[in-house]
Amino acid sequence: MGRKLEGFQHVTERLQSVFGPATHGYSDAPVVHKHDDFELASEEDLKHFDVETDSEGHHYAVRNNDPGPTTTDYSL
């Protein structure tokens, strides 16, 4: 296992020397909304869900009604 890890680290070091370090951005920066068709369709889909929290603090989504097919339902 140690040999595979060393090999992986060698590959990532080579990639970093070629492409430079990974950029992570700023976590405090605000999210930029494009208000394009995809974002509008996503907002339409997500408005049919409520976020619930259980007694252990886990978050999950619950459909608040059955909206039928949505604009991003590609199985139709």
N, C-alpha and C. Protein backbone atom coordinates (compact mmCIF):
# COMPACT_ATOMS: atom_id res chain seq x y z
N MET A 1 0.82 -1.20 0.00
CA MET A 1 0.00 0.00 0.00
C MET A 1 0.86 1.25 0.00
N GLY A 2 1.95 1.24 0.71
CA GLY A 2 2.82 2.40 0.78
C GLY A 2 3.41 2.77 -0.56
N ARG A 3 3.69 1.75 -1.37
CA ARG A 3 4.27 1.99 -2.68
C ARG A 3 3.27 2.70 -3.61
N LYS A 4 2.00 2.29 -3.53
CA LYS A 4 0.97 2.93 -4.36
C LYS A 4 0.78 4.38 -3.95
N LEU A 5 0.80 4.64 -2.65
CA LEU A 5 0.64 6.00 -2.16
C LEU A 5 1.80 6.88 -2.63
N GLU A 6 3.01 6.34 -2.55
CA GLU A 6 4.17 7.11 -3.02
C GLU A 6 4.07 7.39 -4.51
N GLY A 7 3.60 6.42 -5.27
CA GLY A 7 3.43 6.61 -6.71
C GLY A 7 2.40 7.68 -7.01
N PHE A 8 1.30 7.66 -6.26
CA PHE A 8 0.26 8.66 -6.44
C PHE A 8 0.78 10.05 -6.09
N GLN A 9 1.51 10.15 -5.00
CA GLN A 9 2.06 11.45 -4.60
C GLN A 9 3.05 11.96 -5.64
N HIS A 10 3.82 11.05 -6.23
CA HIS A 10 4.77 11.46 -7.27
C HIS A 10 4.02 12.03 -8.47
N VAL A 11 2.93 11.37 -8.87
CA VAL A 11 2.15 11.83 -10.01
C VAL A 11 1.55 13.21 -9.72
N THR A 12 0.98 13.38 -8.52
CA THR A 12 0.38 14.68 -8.20
C THR A 12 1.44 15.78 -8.11
N GLU A 13 2.63 15.46 -7.64
CA GLU A 13 3.70 16.46 -7.61
C GLU A 13 4.10 16.87 -9.02
N ARG A 14 4.15 15.89 -9.94
CA ARG A 14 4.49 16.21 -11.34
C ARG A 14 3.40 17.07 -11.97
N LEU A 15 2.13 16.74 -11.69
CA LEU A 15 1.04 17.54 -12.24
C LEU A 15 1.08 18.96 -11.69
N GLN A 16 1.42 19.10 -10.41
CA GLN A 16 1.50 20.43 -9.82
C GLN A 16 2.63 21.23 -10.46
N SER A 17 3.73 20.57 -10.78
CA SER A 17 4.84 21.31 -11.39
C SER A 17 4.50 21.73 -12.82
N VAL A 18 3.61 20.99 -13.49
CA VAL A 18 3.22 21.34 -14.85
C VAL A 18 2.10 22.37 -14.85
N PHE A 19 1.04 22.12 -14.07
CA PHE A 19 -0.15 22.96 -14.10
C PHE A 19 -0.22 24.00 -12.99
N GLY A 20 0.62 23.89 -12.00
CA GLY A 20 0.59 24.80 -10.88
C GLY A 20 -0.30 24.26 -9.77
N PRO A 21 -0.30 24.91 -8.61
CA PRO A 21 -1.10 24.42 -7.49
C PRO A 21 -2.60 24.59 -7.75
N ALA A 22 -3.37 23.79 -7.08
CA ALA A 22 -4.83 23.88 -7.22
C ALA A 22 -5.31 25.18 -6.60
N THR A 23 -6.28 25.79 -7.24
CA THR A 23 -6.89 26.99 -6.69
C THR A 23 -8.22 26.62 -6.07
N HIS A 24 -8.46 27.11 -4.89
CA HIS A 24 -9.66 26.75 -4.16
C HIS A 24 -10.65 27.90 -4.07
N GLY A 25 -10.25 29.09 -4.43
CA GLY A 25 -11.15 30.23 -4.32
C GLY A 25 -11.31 30.64 -2.87
N TYR A 26 -12.16 31.60 -2.65
CA TYR A 26 -12.40 32.10 -1.31
C TYR A 26 -13.73 31.58 -0.81
N SER A 27 -13.72 30.94 0.34
CA SER A 27 -14.96 30.38 0.86
C SER A 27 -15.91 31.47 1.36
N ASP A 28 -15.39 32.65 1.63
CA ASP A 28 -16.23 33.75 2.09
C ASP A 28 -16.84 34.55 0.94
N ALA A 29 -16.40 34.26 -0.29
CA ALA A 29 -16.89 35.02 -1.44
C ALA A 29 -18.35 34.65 -1.69
N PRO A 30 -19.17 35.62 -2.07
CA PRO A 30 -20.58 35.32 -2.35
C PRO A 30 -20.73 34.47 -3.61
N VAL A 31 -21.80 33.70 -3.67
CA VAL A 31 -22.09 32.89 -4.84
C VAL A 31 -22.62 33.81 -5.93
N VAL A 32 -22.09 33.66 -7.13
CA VAL A 32 -22.53 34.48 -8.25
C VAL A 32 -23.64 33.73 -8.98
N HIS A 33 -24.81 34.33 -9.04
CA HIS A 33 -25.94 33.72 -9.72
C HIS A 33 -26.04 34.29 -11.13
N LYS A 34 -26.16 33.40 -12.11
CA LYS A 34 -26.21 33.84 -13.50
C LYS A 34 -27.64 34.12 -13.96
N HIS A 35 -28.62 33.56 -13.25
CA HIS A 35 -30.03 33.71 -13.63
C HIS A 35 -30.25 33.27 -15.07
N ASP A 36 -29.58 32.17 -15.46
CA ASP A 36 -29.77 31.61 -16.79
C ASP A 36 -30.89 30.56 -16.75
N ASP A 37 -31.17 29.95 -17.88
CA ASP A 37 -32.27 28.99 -17.97
C ASP A 37 -32.06 27.80 -17.05
N PHE A 38 -30.81 27.32 -16.93
CA PHE A 38 -30.54 26.18 -16.07
C PHE A 38 -30.80 26.52 -14.60
N GLU A 39 -30.35 27.68 -14.18
CA GLU A 39 -30.57 28.08 -12.79
C GLU A 39 -32.06 28.27 -12.49
N LEU A 40 -32.78 28.86 -13.41
CA LEU A 40 -34.21 29.03 -13.22
C LEU A 40 -34.94 27.69 -13.15
N ALA A 41 -34.52 26.72 -13.99
CA ALA A 41 -35.13 25.38 -13.96
C ALA A 41 -34.79 24.69 -12.64
N SER A 42 -33.57 24.86 -12.15
CA SER A 42 -33.18 24.25 -10.87
C SER A 42 -33.99 24.84 -9.72
N GLU A 43 -34.16 26.14 -9.72
CA GLU A 43 -34.96 26.78 -8.67
C GLU A 43 -36.40 26.28 -8.71
N GLU A 44 -36.93 26.09 -9.91
CA GLU A 44 -38.29 25.57 -10.07
C GLU A 44 -38.40 24.17 -9.46
N ASP A 45 -37.40 23.32 -9.73
CA ASP A 45 -37.40 21.96 -9.18
C ASP A 45 -37.25 21.96 -7.67
N LEU A 46 -36.37 22.80 -7.14
CA LEU A 46 -36.08 22.78 -5.71
C LEU A 46 -37.19 23.39 -4.85
N LYS A 47 -38.05 24.18 -5.44
CA LYS A 47 -39.11 24.77 -4.62
C LYS A 47 -40.14 23.74 -4.19
N HIS A 48 -40.05 22.52 -4.72
CA HIS A 48 -40.97 21.45 -4.35
C HIS A 48 -40.42 20.59 -3.21
N PHE A 49 -39.33 21.03 -2.58
CA PHE A 49 -38.71 20.28 -1.49
C PHE A 49 -38.60 21.16 -0.25
N ASP A 50 -38.72 20.52 0.91
CA ASP A 50 -38.48 21.17 2.19
C ASP A 50 -37.28 20.49 2.83
N VAL A 51 -36.45 21.25 3.51
CA VAL A 51 -35.30 20.67 4.21
C VAL A 51 -35.72 20.34 5.64
N GLU A 52 -35.53 19.09 6.01
CA GLU A 52 -35.87 18.61 7.35
C GLU A 52 -34.57 18.28 8.09
N THR A 53 -34.61 18.33 9.41
CA THR A 53 -33.47 17.98 10.25
C THR A 53 -33.94 16.96 11.28
N ASP A 54 -33.22 15.84 11.37
CA ASP A 54 -33.62 14.82 12.35
C ASP A 54 -33.01 15.13 13.72
N SER A 55 -33.27 14.26 14.67
CA SER A 55 -32.82 14.50 16.05
C SER A 55 -31.31 14.48 16.20
N GLU A 56 -30.60 13.87 15.24
CA GLU A 56 -29.13 13.83 15.30
C GLU A 56 -28.48 14.97 14.52
N GLY A 57 -29.30 15.83 13.93
CA GLY A 57 -28.75 16.98 13.21
C GLY A 57 -28.51 16.74 11.74
N HIS A 58 -28.92 15.59 11.19
CA HIS A 58 -28.75 15.32 9.77
C HIS A 58 -29.84 16.04 8.98
N HIS A 59 -29.45 16.61 7.85
CA HIS A 59 -30.39 17.32 6.99
C HIS A 59 -30.77 16.45 5.80
N TYR A 60 -32.01 16.51 5.40
CA TYR A 60 -32.47 15.78 4.23
C TYR A 60 -33.64 16.52 3.61
N ALA A 61 -33.88 16.24 2.34
CA ALA A 61 -34.96 16.91 1.61
C ALA A 61 -36.18 16.02 1.56
N VAL A 62 -37.34 16.65 1.70
CA VAL A 62 -38.62 15.96 1.63
C VAL A 62 -39.47 16.68 0.61
N ARG A 63 -40.02 15.91 -0.34
CA ARG A 63 -40.90 16.51 -1.34
C ARG A 63 -42.17 17.00 -0.65
N ASN A 64 -42.51 18.26 -0.83
CA ASN A 64 -43.66 18.81 -0.15
C ASN A 64 -44.96 18.57 -0.91
N ASN A 65 -44.87 18.15 -2.14
CA ASN A 65 -46.04 17.74 -2.91
C ASN A 65 -45.56 16.97 -4.13
N ASP A 66 -46.45 16.50 -4.95
CA ASP A 66 -46.06 15.79 -6.16
C ASP A 66 -46.30 16.70 -7.36
N PRO A 67 -45.24 17.39 -7.82
CA PRO A 67 -45.44 18.38 -8.88
C PRO A 67 -45.61 17.77 -10.27
N GLY A 68 -45.38 16.47 -10.41
CA GLY A 68 -45.43 15.87 -11.74
C GLY A 68 -44.11 16.08 -12.45
N PRO A 69 -44.06 15.90 -13.76
CA PRO A 69 -42.81 16.08 -14.50
C PRO A 69 -42.31 17.51 -14.39
N THR A 70 -40.99 17.65 -14.27
CA THR A 70 -40.37 18.98 -14.17
C THR A 70 -39.59 19.28 -15.43
N THR A 71 -39.10 20.49 -15.55
CA THR A 71 -38.38 20.91 -16.75
C THR A 71 -37.05 20.19 -16.92
N THR A 72 -36.50 19.62 -15.85
CA THR A 72 -35.23 18.89 -15.97
C THR A 72 -35.42 17.39 -15.84
N ASP A 73 -36.63 16.89 -16.03
CA ASP A 73 -36.89 15.46 -15.97
C ASP A 73 -36.64 14.89 -17.36
N TYR A 74 -35.46 14.31 -17.56
CA TYR A 74 -35.04 13.83 -18.88
C TYR A 74 -35.54 12.42 -19.20
N SER A 75 -36.25 11.79 -18.28
CA SER A 75 -36.73 10.43 -18.53
C SER A 75 -38.01 10.43 -19.35
N LEU A 76 -38.57 11.58 -19.63
CA LEU A 76 -39.84 11.65 -20.38
C LEU A 76 -39.61 11.44 -21.85
